Amino acid sequence: MQPIQMVDLKQQYAKIKTEVDLAIKEVIDSTAFINGKAVQDFAAGLSKYLGVKHVIPCANGTDALQIALMALDLKPGDEVITPSFTFIATTEVIALLQLKPVFVEVDPKTFCIDPIAIEKAITPKTKAIIPVHLYGQAANMEAIMDIANRHKIYVIEDNAQAIGGDIQLNDGTTKKTGTLGTIGTTSFFPSKNLGCYGDGGALFTNDDELAVVLKMIANHGGSKRYYHDRVGCNSRLDTIQAAVLNVKLPHLDEYIAARRSAADFYDKAFAGNKKITVPYRAPYSNHVFHQYTLLLEGVDRDALNKFLADHGIPSMIYYPVPAHRQQMFAAFGGSQFELKTTDWLTERVISLPMHTELSNEQLQFITSKVLEFINNQ
């Protein structure tokens, strides 16, 4: 049996090595390392895949979130509603721009932001909502957009963990995650479902005027060289990373299918165990399983984590400390937020290996060891 990895990028690369190596060589031969043809090709390809008018590549997912907020011309002190149960980047950019993060609860089944909690948190200062499609499960975007439209609030979708996911709307149409809000953002960090071999990110929008602004901000605030119309930043997807992504994008649906197959194996193995709740699959979307995250009850999670490690099985806790309890948000009154569901989840979740190269032999070994520990407690 191959050693088990949390994410096995080496085996995935082996299958597309010839294509990737050739694509990288072409960039090196061209010496167009910044804004080369591969960048434009990738933006066009991803735009077509997502069914969105504009894709603006950038340097990473955190930059994408920051650029999105900068483009909306918010003022210091404006409130942005966000889940606390998320990677820190989602909330960090709010504080960085001197906006006020308003932390709200997540749904205990989907782990995504709760629309009811959003509605309750809205004040005259609320200007934006950042739903996170956590672990590959889409948030309830139809409900969120209804709230946002009624209150005239911007929506920035943090789609870093759910690229390629589908959302079925009540009118029977299907949209890709990241394309329903005012702006969608994503990360191409290597471990993502669509990952490059370094850092990378992108923004999506169907708003023509907003797309122009997003491009300007990512390019030092200018649309013409040496002429800068607004404060911006320097955030580019380099050509080599775009070349890698051009090779991987046609495989994205295949990668998602492999992850869902592994998740099916896990689900079947853990079915009926009262101490384990497997990931919920909301009926309005297809879970793309960036992570496979169990919810444990009556189990010593840290001891399980160590037991698995001792048997060569990696596992991770995403995320042990929610954003509102992080020291960086003390000045924003983070500790004043009472988020019982969020606190409850952070004490009980654990993620198992999830990637495109998991074999049945590996999955059988992982599940047997999880059950061995839990049944012997």
Protein backbone atom coordinates (compact mmCIF):
# COMPACT_ATOMS: atom_id res chain seq x y z
CA MET A 1 0.00 0.00 0.00
CA GLN A 2 1.23 3.49 -0.86
CA PRO A 3 1.90 5.76 2.14
CA ILE A 4 -1.25 7.71 2.96
CA GLN A 5 -1.15 11.47 2.40
CA MET A 6 -3.65 14.09 3.48
CA VAL A 7 -3.41 15.31 -0.13
CA ASP A 8 -1.35 13.26 -2.59
CA LEU A 9 -0.13 15.78 -5.17
CA LYS A 10 2.78 13.59 -6.27
CA GLN A 11 0.59 10.79 -7.65
CA GLN A 12 -1.78 13.28 -9.23
CA TYR A 13 1.15 15.01 -10.95
CA ALA A 14 2.47 11.67 -12.25
CA LYS A 15 -0.71 11.19 -14.29
CA ILE A 16 -0.43 14.58 -16.03
CA LYS A 17 3.37 14.95 -15.91
CA THR A 18 3.93 15.05 -19.67
CA GLU A 19 1.31 17.78 -20.18
CA VAL A 20 2.44 19.85 -17.20
CA ASP A 21 6.13 19.64 -18.05
CA LEU A 22 5.44 20.69 -21.64
CA ALA A 23 3.24 23.60 -20.55
CA ILE A 24 5.89 24.88 -18.14
CA LYS A 25 8.62 24.48 -20.76
CA GLU A 26 6.58 26.54 -23.22
CA VAL A 27 6.37 29.39 -20.71
CA ILE A 28 10.10 29.24 -20.01
CA ASP A 29 10.88 29.16 -23.72
CA SER A 30 8.63 32.18 -24.30
CA THR A 31 10.10 34.06 -21.27
CA ALA A 32 6.65 35.68 -20.84
CA PHE A 33 6.64 35.04 -17.11
CA ILE A 34 4.22 37.86 -16.21
CA ASN A 35 0.80 38.14 -17.90
CA GLY A 36 1.79 35.66 -20.58
CA LYS A 37 -0.66 34.00 -22.95
CA ALA A 38 -1.36 31.16 -20.52
CA VAL A 39 -2.89 33.65 -18.06
CA GLN A 40 -5.38 34.95 -20.62
CA ASP A 41 -6.11 31.41 -21.79
CA PHE A 42 -6.81 30.27 -18.25
CA ALA A 43 -9.08 33.23 -17.48
CA ALA A 44 -11.07 32.49 -20.63
CA GLY A 45 -11.23 28.76 -19.91
CA LEU A 46 -12.34 29.21 -16.32
CA SER A 47 -14.92 31.82 -17.38
CA LYS A 48 -16.43 29.30 -19.79
CA TYR A 49 -16.35 26.48 -17.22
CA LEU A 50 -18.04 28.58 -14.54
CA GLY A 51 -20.51 30.28 -16.89
CA VAL A 52 -19.48 33.71 -15.61
CA LYS A 53 -18.67 36.76 -17.76
CA HIS A 54 -15.44 37.85 -16.11
CA VAL A 55 -12.57 36.00 -14.41
CA ILE A 56 -9.77 38.17 -13.00
CA PRO A 57 -6.72 36.08 -11.99
CA CYS A 58 -4.67 37.27 -9.02
CA ALA A 59 -1.84 36.14 -6.76
CA ASN A 60 -3.75 34.14 -4.13
CA GLY A 61 -7.13 33.61 -2.51
CA THR A 62 -6.53 36.11 0.30
CA ASP A 63 -5.72 38.83 -2.23
CA ALA A 64 -8.91 37.93 -4.08
CA LEU A 65 -10.98 38.58 -0.96
CA GLN A 66 -9.15 41.84 -0.25
CA ILE A 67 -9.48 43.11 -3.82
CA ALA A 68 -13.20 42.26 -3.80
CA LEU A 69 -13.79 44.34 -0.67
CA MET A 70 -11.65 47.20 -1.99
CA ALA A 71 -13.71 47.32 -5.18
CA LEU A 72 -16.93 47.95 -3.27
CA ASP A 73 -15.71 51.31 -1.89
CA LEU A 74 -16.61 50.50 1.70
CA LYS A 75 -15.72 52.94 4.44
CA PRO A 76 -13.89 52.28 7.75
CA GLY A 77 -16.40 51.02 10.28
CA ASP A 78 -18.77 49.53 7.71
CA GLU A 79 -19.94 46.10 8.82
CA VAL A 80 -19.30 42.85 6.97
CA ILE A 81 -21.19 39.74 8.08
CA THR A 82 -19.04 36.61 8.07
CA PRO A 83 -18.93 33.16 9.65
CA SER A 84 -16.36 32.65 12.37
CA PHE A 85 -16.01 28.97 11.45
CA THR A 86 -13.66 29.42 8.48
CA PHE A 87 -10.01 29.83 7.54
CA ILE A 88 -8.69 33.09 8.93
CA ALA A 89 -8.23 34.74 5.51
CA THR A 90 -11.99 35.25 5.15
CA THR A 91 -12.14 37.45 8.22
CA GLU A 92 -8.59 38.82 8.24
CA VAL A 93 -9.12 40.95 5.13
CA ILE A 94 -12.14 42.64 6.73
CA ALA A 95 -10.03 43.89 9.62
CA LEU A 96 -7.12 44.75 7.33
CA LEU A 97 -9.32 47.25 5.49
CA GLN A 98 -10.55 48.76 8.78
CA LEU A 99 -14.02 47.32 8.30
CA LYS A 100 -15.90 45.67 11.15
CA PRO A 101 -16.34 41.89 11.08
CA VAL A 102 -19.72 40.77 12.40
CA PHE A 103 -19.44 37.08 13.23
CA VAL A 104 -22.55 34.93 12.90
CA GLU A 105 -23.47 31.31 13.33
CA VAL A 106 -23.21 28.49 10.84
CA ASP A 107 -25.74 25.78 10.11
CA PRO A 108 -24.80 22.76 12.28
CA LYS A 109 -25.35 20.37 9.35
CA THR A 110 -23.74 22.16 6.39
CA PHE A 111 -21.14 24.07 8.50
CA CYS A 112 -21.89 27.07 6.24
CA ILE A 113 -23.21 30.48 7.27
CA ASP A 114 -26.80 30.41 8.53
CA PRO A 115 -29.16 32.70 6.55
CA ILE A 116 -31.35 33.21 9.62
CA ALA A 117 -28.31 34.43 11.58
CA ILE A 118 -27.44 36.80 8.73
CA GLU A 119 -30.89 38.40 8.80
CA LYS A 120 -30.69 38.94 12.55
CA ALA A 121 -27.25 40.58 12.31
CA ILE A 122 -28.12 43.22 9.71
CA THR A 123 -27.89 46.85 10.84
CA PRO A 124 -27.84 50.17 8.95
CA LYS A 125 -24.03 49.79 8.81
CA THR A 126 -24.11 46.37 7.13
CA LYS A 127 -22.62 46.66 3.66
CA ALA A 128 -21.54 43.13 2.72
CA ILE A 129 -21.88 39.42 3.47
CA ILE A 130 -19.10 36.87 2.91
CA PRO A 131 -20.56 33.36 2.78
CA VAL A 132 -17.99 30.55 2.76
CA HIS A 133 -18.59 27.32 0.88
CA LEU A 134 -16.82 25.33 3.58
CA TYR A 135 -15.12 21.97 2.99
CA GLY A 136 -16.70 21.81 -0.49
CA GLN A 137 -20.32 22.15 0.66
CA ALA A 138 -22.12 25.15 -0.83
CA ALA A 139 -23.83 27.66 1.42
CA ASN A 140 -27.54 28.27 0.87
CA MET A 141 -26.94 30.98 -1.73
CA GLU A 142 -30.55 31.36 -2.85
CA ALA A 143 -31.61 32.32 0.68
CA ILE A 144 -28.53 34.52 1.14
CA MET A 145 -29.10 36.39 -2.12
CA ASP A 146 -32.75 36.95 -1.21
CA ILE A 147 -31.66 38.61 2.03
CA ALA A 148 -28.92 40.61 0.30
CA ASN A 149 -31.23 41.86 -2.45
CA ARG A 150 -33.92 42.92 -0.01
CA HIS A 151 -31.42 44.87 2.11
CA LYS A 152 -29.26 46.06 -0.83
CA ILE A 153 -26.12 44.39 0.54
CA TYR A 154 -23.13 43.13 -1.47
CA VAL A 155 -22.26 39.42 -1.41
CA ILE A 156 -18.70 38.12 -1.80
CA GLU A 157 -18.59 34.34 -2.12
CA ASP A 158 -15.51 32.71 -0.61
CA ASN A 159 -15.28 29.79 -3.01
CA ALA A 160 -11.73 28.69 -2.14
CA GLN A 161 -12.89 25.24 -1.03
CA ALA A 162 -15.71 24.54 -3.49
CA ILE A 163 -14.53 25.37 -7.02
CA GLY A 164 -16.55 23.29 -9.48
CA GLY A 165 -19.53 22.87 -7.17
CA ASP A 166 -23.09 23.17 -8.50
CA ILE A 167 -26.06 24.89 -6.89
CA GLN A 168 -29.58 23.98 -8.02
CA LEU A 169 -31.93 26.96 -7.84
CA ASN A 170 -35.69 26.85 -7.26
CA ASP A 171 -36.38 27.83 -10.87
CA GLY A 172 -34.68 24.62 -12.02
CA THR A 173 -31.45 26.22 -13.24
CA THR A 174 -27.98 25.25 -12.05
CA LYS A 175 -25.18 27.71 -11.25
CA LYS A 176 -21.59 27.15 -10.23
CA THR A 177 -20.51 28.15 -6.74
CA GLY A 178 -18.85 31.55 -6.78
CA THR A 179 -21.07 32.94 -9.55
CA LEU A 180 -24.24 33.95 -7.70
CA GLY A 181 -22.93 36.78 -5.52
CA THR A 182 -21.74 40.26 -6.44
CA ILE A 183 -18.21 38.85 -6.60
CA GLY A 184 -16.83 35.33 -6.24
CA THR A 185 -13.31 34.57 -5.07
CA THR A 186 -11.16 31.46 -5.04
CA SER A 187 -7.71 30.13 -4.24
CA PHE A 188 -5.51 27.84 -6.32
CA PHE A 189 -3.35 26.76 -3.38
CA PRO A 190 -1.83 23.37 -4.32
CA SER A 191 -4.13 21.32 -2.07
CA LYS A 192 -7.32 22.83 -3.49
CA ASN A 193 -9.58 20.82 -5.82
CA LEU A 194 -8.15 22.96 -8.64
CA GLY A 195 -4.65 23.77 -7.41
CA CYS A 196 -1.52 25.11 -9.03
CA TYR A 197 2.10 24.44 -7.99
CA GLY A 198 2.49 27.59 -5.93
CA ASP A 199 0.12 30.39 -4.99
CA GLY A 200 -2.73 31.63 -7.16
CA GLY A 201 -6.23 33.02 -6.97
CA ALA A 202 -9.05 34.59 -8.97
CA LEU A 203 -12.17 36.72 -8.79
CA PHE A 204 -15.41 36.23 -10.73
CA THR A 205 -18.24 38.62 -11.59
CA ASN A 206 -21.00 39.16 -14.13
CA ASP A 207 -20.88 42.94 -13.59
CA ASP A 208 -18.99 44.62 -16.46
CA GLU A 209 -18.19 47.84 -14.58
CA LEU A 210 -17.12 45.98 -11.45
CA ALA A 211 -14.83 43.75 -13.52
CA VAL A 212 -12.98 46.84 -14.76
CA VAL A 213 -12.49 48.03 -11.18
CA LEU A 214 -11.30 44.63 -9.97
CA LYS A 215 -8.70 44.46 -12.75
CA MET A 216 -7.50 47.97 -11.92
CA ILE A 217 -7.11 47.26 -8.22
CA ALA A 218 -5.12 44.09 -8.90
CA ASN A 219 -2.86 46.15 -11.20
CA HIS A 220 -1.75 49.00 -8.91
CA GLY A 221 -5.08 50.78 -9.39
CA GLY A 222 -4.48 51.54 -13.05
CA SER A 223 -5.83 50.52 -16.44
CA LYS A 224 -3.01 52.20 -18.34
CA ARG A 225 0.68 51.85 -17.55
CA TYR A 226 1.95 54.54 -15.14
CA TYR A 227 -1.54 56.09 -14.73
CA HIS A 228 -3.19 55.13 -11.44
CA ASP A 229 -6.82 56.06 -10.83
CA ARG A 230 -7.29 54.55 -7.37
CA VAL A 231 -5.37 52.84 -4.61
CA GLY A 232 -4.65 49.29 -5.65
CA CYS A 233 -2.17 46.50 -5.09
CA ASN A 234 0.13 44.24 -7.09
CA SER A 235 -1.58 40.85 -7.36
CA ARG A 236 -0.88 38.66 -10.37
CA LEU A 237 -1.22 35.01 -11.27
CA ASP A 238 2.16 34.23 -12.79
CA THR A 239 2.29 32.56 -16.19
CA ILE A 240 3.82 29.28 -15.02
CA GLN A 241 1.02 28.75 -12.50
CA ALA A 242 -1.56 29.60 -15.16
CA ALA A 243 0.03 27.02 -17.46
CA VAL A 244 -0.33 24.35 -14.77
CA LEU A 245 -3.95 25.34 -14.20
CA ASN A 246 -4.68 25.15 -17.93
CA VAL A 247 -3.62 21.50 -17.82
CA LYS A 248 -5.62 20.73 -14.68
CA LEU A 249 -8.87 22.59 -15.44
CA PRO A 250 -10.12 19.98 -17.97
CA HIS A 251 -9.62 17.34 -15.24
CA LEU A 252 -11.56 19.23 -12.53
CA ASP A 253 -14.84 17.35 -12.92
CA GLU A 254 -12.88 14.08 -12.95
CA TYR A 255 -11.10 15.15 -9.75
CA ILE A 256 -14.42 16.02 -8.11
CA ALA A 257 -15.86 12.64 -9.09
CA ALA A 258 -12.86 10.88 -7.51
CA ARG A 259 -13.32 12.83 -4.29
CA ARG A 260 -17.03 12.06 -4.19
CA SER A 261 -16.26 8.37 -4.73
CA ALA A 262 -13.87 8.39 -1.77
CA ALA A 263 -16.52 10.19 0.30
CA ASP A 264 -19.07 7.50 -0.64
CA PHE A 265 -16.66 4.85 0.68
CA TYR A 266 -16.23 6.73 3.94
CA ASP A 267 -19.99 7.30 4.29
CA LYS A 268 -20.76 3.60 3.84
CA ALA A 269 -18.05 2.51 6.29
CA PHE A 270 -19.25 4.86 9.04
CA ALA A 271 -23.01 4.41 8.45
CA GLY A 272 -24.91 3.63 11.63
CA ASN A 273 -22.11 4.53 14.05
CA LYS A 274 -23.77 6.75 16.65
CA LYS A 275 -20.54 8.51 17.55
CA ILE A 276 -19.84 9.65 13.98
CA THR A 277 -21.81 12.08 11.84
CA VAL A 278 -20.61 12.01 8.23
CA PRO A 279 -20.64 15.17 6.09
CA TYR A 280 -24.11 16.42 5.24
CA ARG A 281 -24.89 16.74 1.54
CA ALA A 282 -27.38 19.56 1.10
CA PRO A 283 -30.09 18.74 -1.48
CA TYR A 284 -29.57 22.07 -3.29
CA SER A 285 -25.94 21.35 -4.20
CA ASN A 286 -23.32 18.72 -4.98
CA HIS A 287 -20.67 18.48 -2.27
CA VAL A 288 -17.22 18.55 -3.95
CA PHE A 289 -15.34 17.35 -0.83
CA HIS A 290 -12.34 19.61 -0.52
CA GLN A 291 -12.28 18.05 2.93
CA TYR A 292 -14.02 15.01 4.38
CA THR A 293 -14.90 16.19 7.86
CA LEU A 294 -16.45 14.04 10.56
CA LEU A 295 -18.44 15.37 13.50
CA LEU A 296 -17.64 13.29 16.59
CA GLU A 297 -19.71 12.84 19.72
CA GLY A 298 -18.33 11.20 22.85
CA VAL A 299 -14.92 10.63 21.24
CA ASP A 300 -11.54 11.91 22.42
CA ARG A 301 -10.66 13.71 19.21
CA ASP A 302 -7.05 14.48 20.12
CA ALA A 303 -6.47 10.88 21.09
CA LEU A 304 -7.98 9.74 17.78
CA ASN A 305 -5.74 12.18 15.92
CA LYS A 306 -2.68 10.70 17.66
CA PHE A 307 -3.86 7.10 17.18
CA LEU A 308 -4.25 7.64 13.45
CA ALA A 309 -0.85 9.33 13.19
CA ASP A 310 0.75 6.39 15.01
CA HIS A 311 -0.65 4.15 12.26
CA GLY A 312 0.56 6.33 9.41
CA ILE A 313 -2.76 8.06 8.78
CA PRO A 314 -2.75 11.88 8.71
CA SER A 315 -5.78 13.80 9.94
CA MET A 316 -6.41 17.48 10.50
CA ILE A 317 -8.62 19.73 12.61
CA TYR A 318 -10.10 22.51 10.47
CA TYR A 319 -10.39 24.75 12.53
CA PRO A 320 -9.49 24.38 16.22
CA VAL A 321 -10.01 28.06 17.13
CA PRO A 322 -12.82 30.03 15.46
CA ALA A 323 -12.07 33.52 14.17
CA HIS A 324 -14.02 35.37 16.86
CA ARG A 325 -11.79 33.79 19.52
CA GLN A 326 -8.53 34.67 17.76
CA GLN A 327 -6.33 37.30 19.42
CA MET A 328 -6.28 39.41 16.25
CA PHE A 329 -9.97 40.19 16.71
CA ALA A 330 -9.81 41.17 20.38
CA ALA A 331 -9.85 44.84 19.39
CA PHE A 332 -12.99 44.20 17.31
CA GLY A 333 -14.88 42.72 20.25
CA GLY A 334 -14.54 39.19 18.96
CA SER A 335 -14.98 37.58 22.37
CA GLN A 336 -18.33 39.34 22.79
CA PHE A 337 -19.91 37.22 20.09
CA GLU A 338 -21.80 34.23 21.48
CA LEU A 339 -21.62 31.49 18.87
CA LYS A 340 -22.52 28.26 20.60
CA THR A 341 -22.83 26.15 17.45
CA THR A 342 -19.47 27.36 16.15
CA ASP A 343 -17.75 26.62 19.46
CA TRP A 344 -19.44 23.21 19.59
CA LEU A 345 -18.25 22.32 16.09
CA THR A 346 -14.64 23.40 16.63
CA GLU A 347 -14.42 20.95 19.53
CA ARG A 348 -15.78 17.99 17.54
CA VAL A 349 -14.65 18.09 13.90
CA ILE A 350 -11.80 16.10 12.39
CA SER A 351 -10.89 15.73 8.71
CA LEU A 352 -9.63 12.51 7.14
CA PRO A 353 -7.42 12.17 4.05
CA MET A 354 -9.27 13.38 0.96
CA HIS A 355 -7.80 13.63 -2.52
CA THR A 356 -8.06 12.26 -6.04
CA GLU A 357 -5.64 9.34 -5.63
CA LEU A 358 -7.08 7.46 -2.64
CA SER A 359 -7.25 3.73 -3.30
CA ASN A 360 -9.83 1.34 -1.86
CA GLU A 361 -7.01 -0.33 0.06
CA GLN A 362 -6.08 2.97 1.70
CA LEU A 363 -9.70 3.87 2.39
CA GLN A 364 -10.32 0.47 3.95
CA PHE A 365 -7.29 0.89 6.19
CA ILE A 366 -8.27 4.42 7.25
CA THR A 367 -11.86 3.54 8.07
CA SER A 368 -10.91 0.36 9.91
CA LYS A 369 -8.52 2.27 12.16
CA VAL A 370 -11.04 5.04 12.88
CA LEU A 371 -13.65 2.44 13.84
CA GLU A 372 -11.12 0.40 15.83
CA PHE A 373 -10.32 3.41 17.99
CA ILE A 374 -13.92 4.52 18.45
CA ASN A 375 -15.27 1.03 19.17
CA ASN A 376 -12.54 0.36 21.73
CA GLN A 377 -13.06 3.58 23.68
